[in-house]
Each structure stands twice: as C-alpha cells, then as structure tokens.
Amino acid sequence: MKKSHPIRRVLLASAATVSGIVLLLSLKPASDPASASAQGAAAPGAAAAQESPQGGAAAAGTSTVTGAATQTQYGVVQVRLTVANGKITKSEAVQAPHGGTSDQKTALAVPKLNQEAVATQSADITSVTGATYTSGGYKQSLQSAIDKMKASAATGSTTPSQGAGQAAQAKTVTGEVATTEYGPVQVRITVAGGKITKAEAVQAPSGGTSDQKTALAVPKLNQEAVVAGSAKIDSVSGATYTSGGYKQSLQSALDKAGG
C-alpha cells in the first residue's frame, strides 16, 4: 500500500498540469489584440451611421419666413412659417391679440388656423367663429409670408442681379388724402409682384362716434383691399363716408403704383 502513493502523486500532478493548460487556452482569445481591435473599430462606425441621417441635408432644406404684422381691431397678428422643400411644415402666430377676452379667442382660434395653414398650404383658410378679426389678420399675415416664401424661392434660382431686381419691385405707395364729412382718409399700400400685400389707413376720421366707426371699418377695408387687389371693395355698413374716402384714396395709391 505504501508503494502506491508516489504513483498517485504523479497522476494528480499530471491532471493538475493538463487542467492548467486547458484553462490558459480558453482565456487566450479574450486577450487577443486583433479581436479587441475589431470590436473597438465597430463602435465609431455604428455611431456615425446613426448620426449622419440627422445631419446637414435635412436641416439645410428647412427655413423660416415671417409675414407682415397685421393690425386688427383687437391687436396685431403676425404669422411665421417653417418651410421645407417648398412646403409649409409649420405655421405659428408670433403675435396675436391678448388681454381680456382676447386671450380666450386667441387660444381658441390660433391652433385651428395653424393647422389649416399647413393642411391647405395657402391663405385660403376658414375663419374661426367668434374670432373674425383675429382670423382675418392671421390670413393677411399668412398670405404675406407665403408671398415672401415664393419670392425667396424664385430669387434662389436667379442670378444676384436678377434677385436684386425682384426685391426692388416691392414698394410702398401712399394715396392722396380724401376729404369726407367726418374727416380725412388716406390709404397706404405695399405692392409686390403687381399685387397688394398690405393696406392700411394712415389717416381716418377720429373723435366721438367716429372712433368706433373707424375701428369697425378700417380693418375690414384693409383686408378687402388685399383680397380684391383693387379699389372695388364693399363699403362697411354704418361707415359709408369713411368707406367712400378709403376707396378714393386707395384708387389714388393704385394709380401711383401703376395698378
């Protein structure tokens, strides 16, 4: 029995050696430099592939354009558009009537008008019931923004000298003063591309009941002048003299502008 112990020790030692060799072989691939290098190289490439679609090409095709501020009876309305590839992707009112009941009307009307502007891709949108003046001002400023958008697109496809010529076509003209029974009326218009983009009364009857009639009539007349593109607009009921003077001065402005 005693003679068998040395042999047993040799066998145990051999088994331990073999186990150690197997363990070292199993650990070797994890420490292989080539394997670690391949794993490290894959990560930056994957990150770049994920980031590049979000980069310059899509962002470069997007721009913003802000329409002219439109004065309404309850405050100023001004629209800003986000445009991508020639289409309106977002519309928002950067100015809108506020204070008192105007806050509620603005909160009700503007989101609907924004949605319609994107849906129709034009200023031919439906006025929101209960917010007629805000809707009218919104549409007027929206049309102004669309006109700028189209002019910008046209200018981008021309030479610098041609673009400068197109920009020079936009001009402001003030009509002659029209005297009415209740005071003078004078209209100023902005014309671009042969169209009225903005109309405003720089003079109108004031004092007493004239203040109310002017506040009622002028915003409507301004809007109609832009829509009609001429002095052939309807008189506002209850403000006949102001309407007549407005149309007379508007025609004078159009004559000066060559329209």
C-alpha atoms as a PDB file:
ATOM      1  CA  MET A   1       0.000   0.000   0.000  1.00  0.00           C
ATOM      2  CA  LYS A   2       2.776   2.463   0.812  1.00  0.00           C
ATOM      3  CA  LYS A   3       4.410   1.922  -2.630  1.00  0.00           C
ATOM      4  CA  SER A   4       1.293   3.132  -4.449  1.00  0.00           C
ATOM      5  CA  HIS A   5       1.442   6.688  -3.003  1.00  0.00           C
ATOM      6  CA  PRO A   6       4.219   8.052  -5.295  1.00  0.00           C
ATOM      7  CA  ILE A   7       2.308   6.911  -8.402  1.00  0.00           C
ATOM      8  CA  ARG A   8      -0.843   8.526  -7.146  1.00  0.00           C
ATOM      9  CA  ARG A   9       1.026  11.785  -6.609  1.00  0.00           C
ATOM     10  CA  VAL A  10       2.374  11.714 -10.159  1.00  0.00           C
ATOM     11  CA  LEU A  11      -1.102  11.143 -11.557  1.00  0.00           C
ATOM     12  CA  LEU A  12      -2.570  14.018  -9.561  1.00  0.00           C
ATOM     13  CA  ALA A  13       0.231  16.351 -10.618  1.00  0.00           C
ATOM     14  CA  SER A  14      -0.274  15.448 -14.279  1.00  0.00           C
ATOM     15  CA  ALA A  15      -4.001  16.066 -14.035  1.00  0.00           C
ATOM     16  CA  ALA A  16      -3.398  19.494 -12.489  1.00  0.00           C
ATOM     17  CA  THR A  17      -0.948  20.413 -15.274  1.00  0.00           C
ATOM     18  CA  VAL A  18      -3.390  19.431 -18.014  1.00  0.00           C
ATOM     19  CA  SER A  19      -6.179  21.420 -16.329  1.00  0.00           C
ATOM     20  CA  GLY A  20      -3.969  24.483 -16.163  1.00  0.00           C
ATOM     21  CA  ILE A  21      -3.087  24.255 -19.855  1.00  0.00           C
ATOM     22  CA  VAL A  22      -6.756  23.916 -20.825  1.00  0.00           C
ATOM     23  CA  LEU A  23      -7.644  26.958 -18.707  1.00  0.00           C
ATOM     24  CA  LEU A  24      -4.928  29.105 -20.332  1.00  0.00           C
ATOM     25  CA  LEU A  25      -6.047  28.102 -23.817  1.00  0.00           C
ATOM     26  CA  SER A  26      -9.650  29.023 -23.010  1.00  0.00           C
ATOM     27  CA  LEU A  27      -8.621  32.524 -21.822  1.00  0.00           C
ATOM     28  CA  LYS A  28      -6.341  33.362 -24.767  1.00  0.00           C
ATOM     29  CA  PRO A  29      -8.975  34.561 -27.340  1.00  0.00           C
ATOM     30  CA  ALA A  30     -10.376  37.206 -24.964  1.00  0.00           C
ATOM     31  CA  SER A  31      -6.943  38.801 -24.717  1.00  0.00           C
ATOM     32  CA  ASP A  32      -6.265  38.579 -28.466  1.00  0.00           C
ATOM     33  CA  PRO A  33      -5.306  42.108 -29.684  1.00  0.00           C
ATOM     34  CA  ALA A  34      -6.881  41.536 -33.099  1.00  0.00           C
ATOM     35  CA  SER A  35     -10.229  40.688 -31.532  1.00  0.00           C
ATOM     36  CA  ALA A  36     -10.158  43.743 -29.263  1.00  0.00           C
ATOM     37  CA  SER A  37      -9.222  45.972 -32.220  1.00  0.00           C
ATOM     38  CA  ALA A  38     -12.155  44.721 -34.320  1.00  0.00           C
ATOM     39  CA  GLN A  39     -14.625  45.374 -31.519  1.00  0.00           C
ATOM     40  CA  GLY A  40     -13.251  48.862 -30.946  1.00  0.00           C
ATOM     41  CA  ALA A  41     -13.453  49.789 -34.636  1.00  0.00           C
ATOM     42  CA  ALA A  42     -17.104  48.779 -34.962  1.00  0.00           C
ATOM     43  CA  ALA A  43     -18.454  51.237 -32.380  1.00  0.00           C
ATOM     44  CA  PRO A  44     -17.433  54.545 -34.024  1.00  0.00           C
ATOM     45  CA  GLY A  45     -18.719  53.374 -37.397  1.00  0.00           C
ATOM     46  CA  ALA A  46     -22.105  52.451 -35.929  1.00  0.00           C
ATOM     47  CA  ALA A  47     -22.371  55.784 -34.143  1.00  0.00           C
ATOM     48  CA  ALA A  48     -21.556  57.667 -37.330  1.00  0.00           C
ATOM     49  CA  ALA A  49     -24.174  55.725 -39.269  1.00  0.00           C
ATOM     50  CA  GLN A  50     -26.821  56.684 -36.727  1.00  0.00           C
ATOM     51  CA  GLU A  51     -25.914  60.360 -36.617  1.00  0.00           C
ATOM     52  CA  SER A  52     -25.444  61.135 -40.300  1.00  0.00           C
ATOM     53  CA  PRO A  53     -29.144  60.869 -41.359  1.00  0.00           C
ATOM     54  CA  GLN A  54     -29.979  63.574 -38.815  1.00  0.00           C
ATOM     55  CA  GLY A  55     -27.332  65.877 -40.171  1.00  0.00           C
ATOM     56  CA  GLY A  56     -26.946  68.617 -42.702  1.00  0.00           C
ATOM     57  CA  ALA A  57     -29.015  67.562 -45.701  1.00  0.00           C
ATOM     58  CA  ALA A  58     -32.393  67.591 -43.970  1.00  0.00           C
ATOM     59  CA  ALA A  59     -31.593  70.673 -41.858  1.00  0.00           C
ATOM     60  CA  ALA A  60     -30.303  72.632 -44.844  1.00  0.00           C
ATOM     61  CA  GLY A  61     -33.648  72.338 -46.670  1.00  0.00           C
ATOM     62  CA  THR A  62     -35.591  73.991 -43.848  1.00  0.00           C
ATOM     63  CA  SER A  63     -36.124  77.731 -43.476  1.00  0.00           C
ATOM     64  CA  THR A  64     -38.469  80.170 -41.730  1.00  0.00           C
ATOM     65  CA  VAL A  65     -40.272  83.205 -43.098  1.00  0.00           C
ATOM     66  CA  THR A  66     -42.314  85.776 -41.162  1.00  0.00           C
ATOM     67  CA  GLY A  67     -45.269  87.597 -42.651  1.00  0.00           C
ATOM     68  CA  ALA A  68     -46.059  91.282 -42.240  1.00  0.00           C
ATOM     69  CA  ALA A  69     -47.656  92.332 -38.938  1.00  0.00           C
ATOM     70  CA  THR A  70     -51.366  92.955 -39.476  1.00  0.00           C
ATOM     71  CA  GLN A  71     -53.254  95.442 -37.302  1.00  0.00           C
ATOM     72  CA  THR A  72     -56.755  94.329 -36.314  1.00  0.00           C
ATOM     73  CA  GLN A  73     -59.369  95.932 -34.114  1.00  0.00           C
ATOM     74  CA  TYR A  74     -58.156  93.910 -31.119  1.00  0.00           C
ATOM     75  CA  GLY A  75     -54.418  93.887 -31.720  1.00  0.00           C
ATOM     76  CA  VAL A  76     -51.607  92.827 -34.028  1.00  0.00           C
ATOM     77  CA  VAL A  77     -51.444  89.427 -35.731  1.00  0.00           C
ATOM     78  CA  GLN A  78     -48.231  88.135 -37.292  1.00  0.00           C
ATOM     79  CA  VAL A  79     -47.567  84.676 -38.721  1.00  0.00           C
ATOM     80  CA  ARG A  80     -44.292  82.774 -39.092  1.00  0.00           C
ATOM     81  CA  LEU A  81     -43.914  79.748 -41.359  1.00  0.00           C
ATOM     82  CA  THR A  82     -41.411  76.908 -41.355  1.00  0.00           C
ATOM     83  CA  VAL A  83     -40.804  75.702 -44.906  1.00  0.00           C
ATOM     84  CA  ALA A  84     -39.089  72.552 -46.149  1.00  0.00           C
ATOM     85  CA  ASN A  85     -38.699  71.616 -49.815  1.00  0.00           C
ATOM     86  CA  GLY A  86     -41.170  74.316 -50.839  1.00  0.00           C
ATOM     87  CA  LYS A  87     -43.916  73.163 -48.448  1.00  0.00           C
ATOM     88  CA  ILE A  88     -45.252  74.656 -45.224  1.00  0.00           C
ATOM     89  CA  THR A  89     -44.411  72.244 -42.412  1.00  0.00           C
ATOM     90  CA  LYS A  90     -45.329  74.522 -39.520  1.00  0.00           C
ATOM     91  CA  SER A  91     -47.345  77.701 -39.010  1.00  0.00           C
ATOM     92  CA  GLU A  92     -47.466  79.775 -35.839  1.00  0.00           C
ATOM     93  CA  ALA A  93     -48.646  83.185 -34.689  1.00  0.00           C
ATOM     94  CA  VAL A  94     -45.725  85.108 -33.219  1.00  0.00           C
ATOM     95  CA  GLN A  95     -48.119  87.956 -32.405  1.00  0.00           C
ATOM     96  CA  ALA A  96     -51.836  87.739 -31.621  1.00  0.00           C
ATOM     97  CA  PRO A  97     -54.436  89.789 -29.706  1.00  0.00           C
ATOM     98  CA  HIS A  98     -54.218  89.392 -25.935  1.00  0.00           C
ATOM     99  CA  GLY A  99     -55.757  90.760 -22.776  1.00  0.00           C
ATOM    100  CA  GLY A 100     -59.297  90.303 -21.505  1.00  0.00           C
ATOM    101  CA  THR A 101     -61.496  88.114 -23.700  1.00  0.00           C
ATOM    102  CA  SER A 102     -58.877  88.255 -26.463  1.00  0.00           C
ATOM    103  CA  ASP A 103     -56.821  85.667 -24.573  1.00  0.00           C
ATOM    104  CA  GLN A 104     -59.614  83.104 -24.844  1.00  0.00           C
ATOM    105  CA  LYS A 105     -60.335  83.895 -28.500  1.00  0.00           C
ATOM    106  CA  THR A 106     -56.665  83.675 -29.422  1.00  0.00           C
ATOM    107  CA  ALA A 107     -56.283  80.369 -27.583  1.00  0.00           C
ATOM    108  CA  LEU A 108     -59.317  79.041 -29.447  1.00  0.00           C
ATOM    109  CA  ALA A 109     -58.545  80.373 -32.919  1.00  0.00           C
ATOM    110  CA  VAL A 110     -54.787  80.270 -33.443  1.00  0.00           C
ATOM    111  CA  PRO A 111     -54.230  76.478 -33.115  1.00  0.00           C
ATOM    112  CA  LYS A 112     -57.007  75.846 -35.654  1.00  0.00           C
ATOM    113  CA  LEU A 113     -55.635  78.449 -38.044  1.00  0.00           C
ATOM    114  CA  ASN A 114     -52.139  76.979 -37.700  1.00  0.00           C
ATOM    115  CA  GLN A 115     -53.417  73.526 -38.616  1.00  0.00           C
ATOM    116  CA  GLU A 116     -55.396  74.772 -41.605  1.00  0.00           C
ATOM    117  CA  ALA A 117     -52.442  76.732 -42.959  1.00  0.00           C
ATOM    118  CA  VAL A 118     -50.354  73.552 -43.040  1.00  0.00           C
ATOM    119  CA  ALA A 119     -53.224  71.453 -44.407  1.00  0.00           C
ATOM    120  CA  THR A 120     -54.195  73.823 -47.241  1.00  0.00           C
ATOM    121  CA  GLN A 121     -50.700  75.176 -47.990  1.00  0.00           C
ATOM    122  CA  SER A 122     -52.352  78.543 -48.652  1.00  0.00           C
ATOM    123  CA  ALA A 123     -54.066  81.524 -47.008  1.00  0.00           C
ATOM    124  CA  ASP A 124     -57.428  80.257 -48.260  1.00  0.00           C
ATOM    125  CA  ILE A 125     -58.496  79.017 -44.843  1.00  0.00           C
ATOM    126  CA  THR A 126     -61.747  79.198 -42.902  1.00  0.00           C
ATOM    127  CA  SER A 127     -62.214  81.928 -40.291  1.00  0.00           C
ATOM    128  CA  VAL A 128     -62.822  80.677 -36.755  1.00  0.00           C
ATOM    129  CA  THR A 129     -66.280  81.520 -35.447  1.00  0.00           C
ATOM    130  CA  GLY A 130     -66.088  84.080 -32.643  1.00  0.00           C
ATOM    131  CA  ALA A 131     -62.625  85.255 -33.709  1.00  0.00           C
ATOM    132  CA  THR A 132     -63.341  87.001 -37.017  1.00  0.00           C
ATOM    133  CA  TYR A 133     -60.813  89.815 -36.655  1.00  0.00           C
ATOM    134  CA  THR A 134     -58.025  87.522 -35.461  1.00  0.00           C
ATOM    135  CA  SER A 135     -58.774  85.124 -38.318  1.00  0.00           C
ATOM    136  CA  GLY A 136     -58.744  87.948 -40.863  1.00  0.00           C
ATOM    137  CA  GLY A 137     -55.458  89.323 -39.575  1.00  0.00           C
ATOM    138  CA  TYR A 138     -53.967  85.832 -39.492  1.00  0.00           C
ATOM    139  CA  LYS A 139     -54.890  85.169 -43.120  1.00  0.00           C
ATOM    140  CA  GLN A 140     -53.482  88.512 -44.236  1.00  0.00           C
ATOM    141  CA  SER A 141     -50.147  87.947 -42.493  1.00  0.00           C
ATOM    142  CA  LEU A 142     -50.117  84.332 -43.700  1.00  0.00           C
ATOM    143  CA  GLN A 143     -50.526  85.483 -47.299  1.00  0.00           C
ATOM    144  CA  SER A 144     -47.675  87.934 -46.792  1.00  0.00           C
ATOM    145  CA  ALA A 145     -45.450  85.099 -45.507  1.00  0.00           C
ATOM    146  CA  ILE A 146     -46.406  82.870 -48.449  1.00  0.00           C
ATOM    147  CA  ASP A 147     -45.602  85.689 -50.890  1.00  0.00           C
ATOM    148  CA  LYS A 148     -42.178  86.075 -49.267  1.00  0.00           C
ATOM    149  CA  MET A 149     -41.659  82.317 -49.414  1.00  0.00           C
ATOM    150  CA  LYS A 150     -42.408  82.234 -53.143  1.00  0.00           C
ATOM    151  CA  ALA A 151     -40.277  85.298 -53.830  1.00  0.00           C
ATOM    152  CA  SER A 152     -37.390  83.719 -51.935  1.00  0.00           C
ATOM    153  CA  ALA A 153     -37.712  80.505 -53.932  1.00  0.00           C
ATOM    154  CA  ALA A 154     -37.740  82.466 -57.185  1.00  0.00           C
ATOM    155  CA  THR A 155     -34.759  84.587 -56.157  1.00  0.00           C
ATOM    156  CA  GLY A 156     -32.787  81.486 -55.233  1.00  0.00           C
ATOM    157  CA  SER A 157     -32.984  80.251 -58.826  1.00  0.00           C
ATOM    158  CA  THR A 158     -31.802  83.522 -60.381  1.00  0.00           C
ATOM    159  CA  THR A 159     -28.556  85.413 -60.607  1.00  0.00           C
ATOM    160  CA  PRO A 160     -27.782  88.012 -57.880  1.00  0.00           C
ATOM    161  CA  SER A 161     -28.600  90.905 -60.232  1.00  0.00           C
ATOM    162  CA  GLN A 162     -31.996  89.391 -61.096  1.00  0.00           C
ATOM    163  CA  GLY A 163     -32.744  88.769 -57.425  1.00  0.00           C
ATOM    164  CA  ALA A 164     -31.978  92.392 -56.612  1.00  0.00           C
ATOM    165  CA  GLY A 165     -34.367  93.481 -59.356  1.00  0.00           C
ATOM    166  CA  GLN A 166     -37.174  91.358 -57.942  1.00  0.00           C
ATOM    167  CA  ALA A 167     -36.641  92.722 -54.446  1.00  0.00           C
ATOM    168  CA  ALA A 168     -36.833  96.257 -55.856  1.00  0.00           C
ATOM    169  CA  GLN A 169     -40.313  95.537 -57.190  1.00  0.00           C
ATOM    170  CA  ALA A 170     -41.772  95.651 -53.675  1.00  0.00           C
ATOM    171  CA  LYS A 171     -42.735  99.246 -52.932  1.00  0.00           C
ATOM    172  CA  THR A 172     -44.937 101.310 -50.647  1.00  0.00           C
ATOM    173  CA  VAL A 173     -47.259 103.932 -52.114  1.00  0.00           C
ATOM    174  CA  THR A 174     -49.472 106.444 -50.298  1.00  0.00           C
ATOM    175  CA  GLY A 175     -52.677 107.646 -51.917  1.00  0.00           C
ATOM    176  CA  GLU A 176     -53.997 111.194 -51.954  1.00  0.00           C
ATOM    177  CA  VAL A 177     -55.944 112.449 -48.943  1.00  0.00           C
ATOM    178  CA  ALA A 178     -59.700 112.018 -49.447  1.00  0.00           C
ATOM    179  CA  THR A 179     -61.806 114.557 -47.538  1.00  0.00           C
ATOM    180  CA  THR A 180     -65.047 113.227 -46.076  1.00  0.00           C
ATOM    181  CA  GLU A 181     -67.825 114.779 -43.998  1.00  0.00           C
ATOM    182  CA  TYR A 182     -66.252 113.373 -40.822  1.00  0.00           C
ATOM    183  CA  GLY A 183     -62.561 113.856 -41.592  1.00  0.00           C
ATOM    184  CA  PRO A 184     -59.722 112.959 -43.986  1.00  0.00           C
ATOM    185  CA  VAL A 185     -58.956 109.418 -45.099  1.00  0.00           C
ATOM    186  CA  GLN A 186     -55.609 108.400 -46.569  1.00  0.00           C
ATOM    187  CA  VAL A 187     -54.501 104.918 -47.552  1.00  0.00           C
ATOM    188  CA  ARG A 188     -51.022 103.465 -47.888  1.00  0.00           C
ATOM    189  CA  ILE A 189     -50.400 100.180 -49.705  1.00  0.00           C
ATOM    190  CA  THR A 190     -47.451  97.837 -50.142  1.00  0.00           C
ATOM    191  CA  VAL A 191     -47.234  96.322 -53.608  1.00  0.00           C
ATOM    192  CA  ALA A 192     -45.077  93.348 -54.671  1.00  0.00           C
ATOM    193  CA  GLY A 193     -45.229  91.476 -57.937  1.00  0.00           C
ATOM    194  CA  GLY A 194     -48.137  93.623 -59.068  1.00  0.00           C
ATOM    195  CA  LYS A 195     -50.254  92.634 -56.053  1.00  0.00           C
ATOM    196  CA  ILE A 196     -51.306  94.479 -52.899  1.00  0.00           C
ATOM    197  CA  THR A 197     -49.635  92.692 -49.991  1.00  0.00           C
ATOM    198  CA  LYS A 198     -50.663  95.194 -47.326  1.00  0.00           C
ATOM    199  CA  ALA A 199     -53.129  98.081 -46.987  1.00  0.00           C
ATOM    200  CA  GLU A 200     -53.519 100.495 -44.091  1.00  0.00           C
ATOM    201  CA  ALA A 201     -55.208 103.793 -43.334  1.00  0.00           C
ATOM    202  CA  VAL A 202     -52.620 106.348 -42.251  1.00  0.00           C
ATOM    203  CA  GLN A 203     -55.437 108.857 -41.716  1.00  0.00           C
ATOM    204  CA  ALA A 204     -59.057 108.197 -40.748  1.00  0.00           C
ATOM    205  CA  PRO A 205     -61.899 110.081 -39.020  1.00  0.00           C
ATOM    206  CA  SER A 206     -61.495 110.329 -35.257  1.00  0.00           C
ATOM    207  CA  GLY A 207     -63.262 111.809 -32.260  1.00  0.00           C
ATOM    208  CA  GLY A 208     -66.670 110.988 -30.817  1.00  0.00           C
ATOM    209  CA  THR A 209     -68.537 108.220 -32.610  1.00  0.00           C
ATOM    210  CA  SER A 210     -66.008 108.352 -35.448  1.00  0.00           C
ATOM    211  CA  ASP A 211     -63.530 106.410 -33.299  1.00  0.00           C
ATOM    212  CA  GLN A 212     -65.905 103.435 -33.125  1.00  0.00           C
ATOM    213  CA  LYS A 213     -66.789 103.595 -36.816  1.00  0.00           C
ATOM    214  CA  THR A 214     -63.123 103.807 -37.834  1.00  0.00           C
ATOM    215  CA  ALA A 215     -62.202 100.904 -35.574  1.00  0.00           C
ATOM    216  CA  LEU A 216     -65.013  98.887 -37.122  1.00  0.00           C
ATOM    217  CA  ALA A 217     -64.496  99.814 -40.764  1.00  0.00           C
ATOM    218  CA  VAL A 218     -60.755 100.206 -41.399  1.00  0.00           C
ATOM    219  CA  PRO A 219     -59.605  96.632 -40.561  1.00  0.00           C
ATOM    220  CA  LYS A 220     -62.295  95.233 -42.872  1.00  0.00           C
ATOM    221  CA  LEU A 221     -61.396  97.664 -45.658  1.00  0.00           C
ATOM    222  CA  ASN A 222     -57.697  96.816 -45.294  1.00  0.00           C
ATOM    223  CA  GLN A 223     -58.421  93.123 -45.620  1.00  0.00           C
ATOM    224  CA  GLU A 224     -60.724  93.566 -48.585  1.00  0.00           C
ATOM    225  CA  ALA A 225     -58.187  95.733 -50.400  1.00  0.00           C
ATOM    226  CA  VAL A 226     -55.577  92.955 -50.151  1.00  0.00           C
ATOM    227  CA  VAL A 227     -58.028  90.222 -51.167  1.00  0.00           C
ATOM    228  CA  ALA A 228     -59.558  92.170 -54.061  1.00  0.00           C
ATOM    229  CA  GLY A 229     -56.294  93.699 -55.252  1.00  0.00           C
ATOM    230  CA  SER A 230     -58.237  96.787 -56.303  1.00  0.00           C
ATOM    231  CA  ALA A 231     -60.446  99.612 -55.033  1.00  0.00           C
ATOM    232  CA  LYS A 232     -63.582  97.673 -55.987  1.00  0.00           C
ATOM    233  CA  ILE A 233     -64.440  96.726 -52.423  1.00  0.00           C
ATOM    234  CA  ASP A 234     -67.661  96.810 -50.427  1.00  0.00           C
ATOM    235  CA  SER A 235     -68.458  99.708 -48.144  1.00  0.00           C
ATOM    236  CA  VAL A 236     -68.783  98.863 -44.455  1.00  0.00           C
ATOM    237  CA  SER A 237     -72.316  99.258 -43.159  1.00  0.00           C
ATOM    238  CA  GLY A 238     -72.551 102.189 -40.728  1.00  0.00           C
ATOM    239  CA  ALA A 239     -69.324 103.771 -42.031  1.00  0.00           C
ATOM    240  CA  THR A 240     -70.345 104.920 -45.511  1.00  0.00           C
ATOM    241  CA  TYR A 241     -68.329 108.138 -45.582  1.00  0.00           C
ATOM    242  CA  THR A 242     -65.180 106.505 -44.236  1.00  0.00           C
ATOM    243  CA  SER A 243     -65.566 103.651 -46.729  1.00  0.00           C
ATOM    244  CA  GLY A 244     -66.003 106.089 -49.622  1.00  0.00           C
ATOM    245  CA  GLY A 245     -62.957 108.105 -48.654  1.00  0.00           C
ATOM    246  CA  TYR A 246     -60.942 104.921 -48.183  1.00  0.00           C
ATOM    247  CA  LYS A 247     -61.779 103.644 -51.681  1.00  0.00           C
ATOM    248  CA  GLN A 248     -60.987 107.029 -53.213  1.00  0.00           C
ATOM    249  CA  SER A 249     -57.557 107.202 -51.575  1.00  0.00           C
ATOM    250  CA  LEU A 250     -56.925 103.516 -52.331  1.00  0.00           C
ATOM    251  CA  GLN A 251     -57.575 104.096 -56.031  1.00  0.00           C
ATOM    252  CA  SER A 252     -55.184 107.031 -55.952  1.00  0.00           C
ATOM    253  CA  ALA A 253     -52.485 104.819 -54.435  1.00  0.00           C
ATOM    254  CA  LEU A 254     -53.090 102.147 -57.057  1.00  0.00           C
ATOM    255  CA  ASP A 255     -52.811 104.719 -59.830  1.00  0.00           C
ATOM    256  CA  LYS A 256     -49.461 105.825 -58.441  1.00  0.00           C
ATOM    257  CA  ALA A 257     -48.301 102.222 -58.209  1.00  0.00           C
ATOM    258  CA  GLY A 258     -49.359 101.611 -61.774  1.00  0.00           C
ATOM    259  CA  GLY A 259     -52.036  99.101 -60.771  1.00  0.00           C
END
